[in-house]
Amino acid sequence: MSNTQSRITADQDPVGGLIATATSVADLFEMLLEDGKFPGKGRSDDDKQSVAQWWEDRHEAIKALRKKIAAVKEDRDGAGA
């Protein structure tokens, strides 16, 4: 591996970014499976906001993964052209 290749960040390397994002999503899913349940809403506004943020964080993680997948697909399609 050349010195230039070793300096490539996950943002510059679509496959590296995909791997990092997929690992993060897998970790979130694994935590959910280990807990065995979704968080309860609770009664207080803080509890409700906390649960809403929990869902939003997971949704954002999935959207980020899909974006990385699309970037890798686009990169591969462009490389083959």
Protein backbone atom coordinates (compact mmCIF):
# COMPACT_ATOMS: atom_id res chain seq x y z
CA MET A 1 0.00 0.00 0.00
CA SER A 2 1.41 3.38 -0.95
CA ASN A 3 1.76 6.23 1.52
CA THR A 4 -1.01 8.13 -0.29
CA GLN A 5 -3.45 5.23 0.07
CA SER A 6 -2.85 5.01 3.81
CA ARG A 7 -3.98 8.64 4.23
CA ILE A 8 -7.43 8.13 2.69
CA THR A 9 -10.21 8.78 5.21
CA ALA A 10 -13.59 7.05 5.40
CA ASP A 11 -15.15 10.16 3.81
CA GLN A 12 -12.85 9.80 0.80
CA ASP A 13 -13.19 6.02 0.53
CA PRO A 14 -16.79 5.00 -0.22
CA VAL A 15 -16.25 1.37 0.79
CA GLY A 16 -14.48 2.36 4.03
CA GLY A 17 -17.33 4.74 4.83
CA LEU A 18 -19.87 2.04 4.09
CA ILE A 19 -18.10 -0.42 6.38
CA ALA A 20 -17.91 2.13 9.22
CA THR A 21 -21.58 3.09 8.87
CA ALA A 22 -22.75 -0.52 8.56
CA THR A 23 -20.78 -1.43 11.68
CA SER A 24 -22.43 1.42 13.58
CA VAL A 25 -25.93 0.34 12.50
CA ALA A 26 -25.15 -3.29 13.35
CA ASP A 27 -24.01 -2.19 16.82
CA LEU A 28 -27.27 -0.29 17.36
CA PHE A 29 -29.31 -3.29 16.25
CA GLU A 30 -27.27 -5.64 18.42
CA MET A 31 -27.92 -3.43 21.48
CA LEU A 32 -31.65 -3.58 20.70
CA LEU A 33 -31.54 -7.37 20.48
CA GLU A 34 -29.59 -7.63 23.74
CA ASP A 35 -32.10 -5.39 25.54
CA GLY A 36 -34.93 -7.42 24.05
CA LYS A 37 -37.32 -4.47 23.85
CA PHE A 38 -37.87 -0.99 22.57
CA PRO A 39 -37.69 1.82 25.10
CA GLY A 40 -40.96 2.74 26.80
CA LYS A 41 -42.43 6.18 26.27
CA GLY A 42 -42.91 7.02 29.94
CA ARG A 43 -45.18 9.76 31.17
CA SER A 44 -42.99 12.82 31.59
CA ASP A 45 -42.10 15.13 28.74
CA ASP A 46 -38.42 14.28 29.27
CA ASP A 47 -39.17 10.58 28.90
CA LYS A 48 -41.20 11.19 25.75
CA GLN A 49 -38.46 13.39 24.27
CA SER A 50 -35.83 10.81 25.12
CA VAL A 51 -37.75 8.07 23.32
CA ALA A 52 -38.43 10.32 20.34
CA GLN A 53 -34.70 11.08 20.13
CA TRP A 54 -33.91 7.34 20.40
CA TRP A 55 -36.12 6.62 17.39
CA GLU A 56 -34.76 9.60 15.45
CA ASP A 57 -31.16 8.49 16.07
CA ARG A 58 -31.87 5.00 14.76
CA HIS A 59 -33.71 6.35 11.75
CA GLU A 60 -30.81 8.69 10.95
CA ALA A 61 -28.38 5.78 11.24
CA ILE A 62 -30.39 3.77 8.69
CA LYS A 63 -30.61 6.76 6.34
CA ALA A 64 -26.83 7.26 6.62
CA LEU A 65 -26.26 3.59 5.79
CA ARG A 66 -28.52 3.80 2.74
CA LYS A 67 -26.65 6.93 1.60
CA LYS A 68 -23.30 5.13 1.92
CA ILE A 69 -24.65 2.13 0.00
CA ALA A 70 -25.80 4.45 -2.80
CA ALA A 71 -22.38 6.14 -2.87
CA VAL A 72 -20.60 2.80 -3.22
CA LYS A 73 -22.99 1.70 -5.96
CA GLU A 74 -22.47 4.99 -7.79
CA ASP A 75 -18.70 4.72 -7.41
CA ARG A 76 -18.72 1.18 -8.80
CA ASP A 77 -20.99 2.13 -11.70
CA GLY A 78 -18.71 5.06 -12.52
CA ALA A 79 -15.59 2.90 -12.34
CA GLY A 80 -17.02 0.44 -14.84
CA ALA A 81 -17.97 3.11 -17.37
